[in-house]
Amino acid sequence: MAVPMSPSRGRVLLACDLDGTLLDHDGVPVPGAGAAITELIAAGALFTVCTGRPLQAARRAVGALGAEPLIYACYHGALVAETSGKVLRHLPLPPREAGQVAAQALAARVAVTVWDVDEPRELKPDSGGAAPGDAVSRLVLHGEPGVVARLLGRLRAEWAGRLRVEPIRPGFLGIFAPAVDKGDALRFVAARLGVPAERTVACGDGAADESLLAAAEVRIAVGEPPHVLGHLPDVVVASWARLPETLRAQVLPLL
């Protein structure tokens, strides 16, 4: 993979979340964000996406954005892949634990989507189907919101420290390997591209992005104050309307 080098001060890595950050809550690109990132890439910045989305869905979103990353970190960092699709790192769920969680969900009448690397298959109560295997990027548990909310509490208590259990939206939960972490994914990508930690910029909008921003030297929280990430040191809070100018203002001085 050819990686551009700034002729002056070296590499700078810009790592951005998608939903709620570069995309609005309807999945539409924030006006001007794609153009700003394209300008930064042309100026020498390296761009990566750190998202909870599967790789195929992240690619579709980036196609609408119009700014292609060098590397995708998907499922909160469980799957890291080049734009070509070449997998650089995969942190699958432990098979035994994944099978136990799937069985708990099905017993509670909650359906399970198994993402085998980046391909989904469905497990439904009373429908049978193959149990999770040894290459599962995540499980998505989905059903009646009240039932799923109760299941969230039980699973978090039972699997604390052994699995990551994260709410996605009402009626949906994501289950990940315990080592999955956006901040760790940023560190992995930076090392892969030869970018020192002090030359990383991260951009996110919610609690799921806290580790991503905490791992970066420059932190941009997208939204309105008071922001859920406002407690992070030196964080810059930017609304969607101001995001393009904020990206330019924070990244260009590093190039």
Protein backbone atom coordinates (compact mmCIF):
# COMPACT_ATOMS: atom_id res chain seq x y z
CA MET A 1 0.00 0.00 0.00
CA ALA A 2 1.47 3.30 -1.07
CA VAL A 3 1.35 5.86 1.72
CA PRO A 4 1.85 9.55 0.87
CA MET A 5 4.42 11.51 2.84
CA SER A 6 4.22 15.20 3.60
CA PRO A 7 7.33 16.86 2.15
CA SER A 8 7.72 19.10 5.18
CA ARG A 9 6.86 17.75 8.62
CA GLY A 10 5.98 14.06 8.12
CA ARG A 11 2.87 12.02 8.38
CA VAL A 12 -0.33 13.07 10.13
CA LEU A 13 -3.16 10.62 10.72
CA LEU A 14 -6.82 11.73 10.83
CA ALA A 15 -9.12 9.06 12.31
CA CYS A 16 -12.87 9.68 12.13
CA ASP A 17 -16.00 7.94 13.31
CA LEU A 18 -18.84 7.82 10.76
CA ASP A 19 -22.35 7.86 12.27
CA GLY A 20 -23.06 11.08 14.13
CA THR A 21 -19.66 12.45 13.09
CA LEU A 22 -19.10 12.54 9.33
CA LEU A 23 -22.68 11.36 8.75
CA ASP A 24 -25.82 12.79 10.31
CA HIS A 25 -28.33 10.63 12.17
CA ASP A 26 -29.97 9.68 8.88
CA GLY A 27 -26.68 8.48 7.43
CA VAL A 28 -26.31 11.51 5.14
CA PRO A 29 -22.81 13.04 4.82
CA VAL A 30 -22.34 16.24 6.81
CA PRO A 31 -22.18 19.08 4.23
CA GLY A 32 -18.60 19.97 3.40
CA ALA A 33 -16.99 17.25 5.55
CA GLY A 34 -16.00 15.05 2.61
CA ALA A 35 -14.57 18.01 0.71
CA ALA A 36 -12.55 19.12 3.75
CA ILE A 37 -11.08 15.63 4.23
CA THR A 38 -10.28 15.39 0.51
CA GLU A 39 -8.38 18.68 0.79
CA LEU A 40 -6.47 17.40 3.82
CA ILE A 41 -5.56 14.18 2.03
CA ALA A 42 -4.29 16.22 -0.93
CA ALA A 43 -2.20 18.27 1.53
CA GLY A 44 -0.57 15.09 2.87
CA ALA A 45 -2.81 13.82 5.68
CA LEU A 46 -3.53 10.11 6.03
CA PHE A 47 -7.20 9.25 6.60
CA THR A 48 -8.71 6.27 8.41
CA VAL A 49 -12.26 5.45 9.46
CA CYS A 50 -12.98 4.01 12.94
CA THR A 51 -16.58 2.85 13.06
CA GLY A 52 -18.96 0.36 14.60
CA ARG A 53 -20.22 -0.48 11.11
CA PRO A 54 -19.32 -3.60 9.15
CA LEU A 55 -16.73 -3.09 6.42
CA GLN A 56 -19.25 -3.35 3.59
CA ALA A 57 -21.53 -0.75 5.19
CA ALA A 58 -18.60 1.54 5.97
CA ARG A 59 -17.52 1.41 2.32
CA ARG A 60 -21.01 2.42 1.15
CA ALA A 61 -21.03 5.35 3.57
CA VAL A 62 -17.58 6.48 2.50
CA GLY A 63 -18.67 6.29 -1.14
CA ALA A 64 -21.34 8.88 -0.38
CA LEU A 65 -18.85 10.96 1.60
CA GLY A 66 -16.39 11.05 -1.29
CA ALA A 67 -13.18 10.77 0.77
CA GLU A 68 -11.49 7.36 0.65
CA PRO A 69 -9.54 6.18 3.72
CA LEU A 70 -6.36 4.16 3.51
CA ILE A 71 -7.59 1.82 6.25
CA TYR A 72 -10.95 0.93 7.79
CA ALA A 73 -11.24 -0.06 11.45
CA CYS A 74 -14.70 -1.63 11.69
CA TYR A 75 -16.80 -3.20 14.46
CA HIS A 76 -15.14 -0.72 16.87
CA GLY A 77 -11.74 -2.08 15.81
CA ALA A 78 -12.45 -5.82 15.73
CA LEU A 79 -11.68 -5.85 11.99
CA VAL A 80 -8.98 -3.62 10.48
CA ALA A 81 -8.61 -3.77 6.71
CA GLU A 82 -7.02 -1.90 3.85
CA THR A 83 -9.21 -0.23 1.23
CA SER A 84 -8.50 -3.25 -0.99
CA GLY A 85 -10.20 -5.48 1.57
CA LYS A 86 -6.98 -7.08 2.79
CA VAL A 87 -7.43 -7.83 6.48
CA LEU A 88 -4.64 -6.40 8.64
CA ARG A 89 -6.00 -7.50 12.01
CA HIS A 90 -9.00 -9.46 13.26
CA LEU A 91 -10.04 -9.81 16.90
CA PRO A 92 -12.82 -12.44 16.83
CA LEU A 93 -15.08 -13.39 19.70
CA PRO A 94 -13.95 -16.44 21.69
CA PRO A 95 -16.07 -19.28 20.17
CA ARG A 96 -17.26 -20.85 23.43
CA GLU A 97 -18.31 -17.53 24.93
CA ALA A 98 -19.97 -16.43 21.68
CA GLY A 99 -21.98 -19.65 21.62
CA GLN A 100 -23.08 -19.18 25.22
CA VAL A 101 -24.23 -15.60 24.64
CA ALA A 102 -26.08 -16.60 21.47
CA ALA A 103 -27.82 -19.39 23.39
CA GLN A 104 -28.81 -16.96 26.17
CA ALA A 105 -30.27 -14.55 23.63
CA LEU A 106 -32.21 -17.22 21.76
CA ALA A 107 -33.60 -18.57 25.04
CA ALA A 108 -34.87 -15.05 25.80
CA ARG A 109 -36.60 -14.98 22.38
CA VAL A 110 -34.07 -12.53 21.00
CA ALA A 111 -32.66 -13.08 17.50
CA VAL A 112 -28.92 -13.09 16.79
CA THR A 113 -27.01 -11.87 13.75
CA VAL A 114 -23.60 -13.50 13.52
CA TRP A 115 -20.98 -11.53 11.56
CA ASP A 116 -18.45 -14.06 10.28
CA VAL A 117 -15.56 -11.68 9.58
CA ASP A 118 -17.79 -9.39 7.43
CA GLU A 119 -20.63 -11.69 6.33
CA PRO A 120 -23.91 -11.84 8.29
CA ARG A 121 -26.09 -14.84 9.04
CA GLU A 122 -29.18 -15.05 11.21
CA LEU A 123 -29.97 -17.24 14.21
CA LYS A 124 -33.61 -17.09 15.32
CA PRO A 125 -35.39 -18.68 18.26
CA ASP A 126 -36.62 -22.20 17.35
CA SER A 127 -35.15 -21.95 13.84
CA GLY A 128 -31.89 -23.83 14.39
CA GLY A 129 -28.84 -22.76 12.42
CA ALA A 130 -25.12 -23.13 12.93
CA ALA A 131 -23.69 -21.79 16.17
CA PRO A 132 -21.08 -19.00 16.11
CA GLY A 133 -17.66 -20.19 14.96
CA ASP A 134 -14.10 -19.00 15.48
CA ALA A 135 -14.08 -15.98 13.12
CA VAL A 136 -16.97 -13.87 14.49
CA SER A 137 -16.34 -10.12 14.45
CA ARG A 138 -19.45 -9.43 16.50
CA LEU A 139 -22.86 -10.71 17.48
CA VAL A 140 -25.85 -8.41 17.16
CA LEU A 141 -28.75 -9.33 19.44
CA HIS A 142 -32.05 -7.83 18.32
CA GLY A 143 -35.66 -8.01 19.42
CA GLU A 144 -38.34 -6.26 21.43
CA PRO A 145 -36.64 -3.22 23.04
CA GLY A 146 -37.80 -3.95 26.58
CA VAL A 147 -36.60 -7.55 26.42
CA VAL A 148 -33.27 -6.49 24.92
CA ALA A 149 -32.79 -3.79 27.58
CA ARG A 150 -33.23 -6.37 30.35
CA LEU A 151 -30.87 -8.73 28.55
CA LEU A 152 -28.26 -5.93 28.38
CA GLY A 153 -28.11 -5.68 32.16
CA ARG A 154 -27.85 -9.43 32.65
CA LEU A 155 -25.15 -9.91 30.02
CA ARG A 156 -23.05 -6.99 31.26
CA ALA A 157 -23.13 -8.35 34.80
CA GLU A 158 -22.34 -11.92 33.77
CA TRP A 159 -19.70 -11.21 31.14
CA ALA A 160 -17.92 -8.21 32.68
CA GLY A 161 -14.23 -8.34 31.78
CA ARG A 162 -14.72 -11.30 29.45
CA LEU A 163 -16.76 -9.76 26.61
CA ARG A 164 -17.78 -6.26 25.53
CA VAL A 165 -21.55 -5.78 25.57
CA GLU A 166 -22.61 -2.51 23.96
CA PRO A 167 -26.03 -1.00 23.18
CA ILE A 168 -26.39 -0.02 19.51
CA ARG A 169 -29.90 1.46 19.50
CA PRO A 170 -33.19 0.46 21.17
CA GLY A 171 -33.71 -3.24 20.62
CA PHE A 172 -30.14 -3.93 19.46
CA LEU A 173 -26.99 -4.99 21.33
CA GLY A 174 -23.46 -5.63 20.03
CA ILE A 175 -21.21 -8.30 21.53
CA PHE A 176 -17.45 -8.03 20.93
CA ALA A 177 -14.20 -9.62 22.05
CA PRO A 178 -12.88 -7.99 25.25
CA ALA A 179 -9.83 -6.48 23.51
CA VAL A 180 -11.92 -4.59 20.93
CA ASP A 181 -11.38 -0.86 21.42
CA LYS A 182 -11.35 2.11 19.03
CA GLY A 183 -8.37 3.68 20.76
CA ASP A 184 -6.36 0.49 20.38
CA ALA A 185 -7.39 0.37 16.72
CA LEU A 186 -6.07 3.91 16.24
CA ARG A 187 -2.75 2.96 17.81
CA PHE A 188 -2.54 -0.11 15.56
CA VAL A 189 -3.28 1.90 12.40
CA ALA A 190 -0.84 4.66 13.39
CA ALA A 191 1.93 2.10 13.93
CA ARG A 192 1.07 0.43 10.62
CA LEU A 193 1.37 3.74 8.78
CA GLY A 194 4.42 4.93 10.70
CA VAL A 195 2.67 7.85 12.39
CA PRO A 196 3.79 8.81 15.92
CA ALA A 197 1.07 9.27 18.53
CA GLU A 198 1.71 13.01 18.77
CA ARG A 199 0.70 13.41 15.11
CA THR A 200 -2.75 11.80 15.35
CA VAL A 201 -6.11 13.58 15.17
CA ALA A 202 -9.37 11.86 16.14
CA CYS A 203 -12.94 12.92 15.54
CA GLY A 204 -16.03 11.34 17.13
CA ASP A 205 -19.42 12.15 18.58
CA GLY A 206 -20.33 9.84 21.44
CA ALA A 207 -19.32 7.64 24.34
CA ALA A 208 -18.28 4.84 21.96
CA ASP A 209 -15.60 7.23 20.63
CA GLU A 210 -14.08 8.14 23.98
CA SER A 211 -11.17 5.70 23.69
CA LEU A 212 -10.57 6.86 20.11
CA LEU A 213 -10.25 10.51 21.12
CA ALA A 214 -8.28 9.67 24.27
CA ALA A 215 -5.67 7.85 22.14
CA ALA A 216 -5.12 10.86 19.84
CA GLU A 217 -3.08 14.00 20.38
CA VAL A 218 -5.74 16.28 18.84
CA ARG A 219 -9.36 15.57 19.82
CA ILE A 220 -12.49 16.80 18.04
CA ALA A 221 -15.88 16.06 19.59
CA VAL A 222 -18.75 16.57 17.14
CA GLY A 223 -21.94 17.96 18.63
CA GLU A 224 -23.08 20.78 20.85
CA PRO A 225 -21.85 21.65 24.35
CA PRO A 226 -22.20 20.38 27.00
CA HIS A 227 -20.72 17.38 25.18
CA VAL A 228 -20.49 13.81 26.49
CA LEU A 229 -16.78 13.90 25.57
CA GLY A 230 -16.21 17.39 26.92
CA HIS A 231 -14.28 16.05 29.93
CA LEU A 232 -11.38 14.91 27.75
CA PRO A 233 -8.26 17.11 27.96
CA ASP A 234 -7.95 19.80 25.27
CA VAL A 235 -10.99 18.54 23.37
CA VAL A 236 -12.39 20.83 20.65
CA VAL A 237 -16.18 20.72 20.36
CA ALA A 238 -17.58 21.39 16.88
CA SER A 239 -21.12 21.32 15.54
CA TRP A 240 -21.83 19.63 12.20
CA ALA A 241 -22.03 23.11 10.64
CA ARG A 242 -18.52 23.94 11.86
CA LEU A 243 -16.96 20.50 11.31
CA PRO A 244 -15.32 21.23 7.91
CA GLU A 245 -13.59 24.39 9.15
CA THR A 246 -12.63 22.67 12.42
CA LEU A 247 -11.01 19.76 10.57
CA ARG A 248 -8.98 22.18 8.46
CA ALA A 249 -8.02 24.29 11.48
CA GLN A 250 -6.83 21.31 13.53
CA VAL A 251 -5.08 19.25 10.83
CA LEU A 252 -3.48 21.76 8.45
CA PRO A 253 -1.07 23.26 11.02
CA LEU A 254 0.39 19.76 11.54
CA LEU A 255 1.18 19.26 7.85
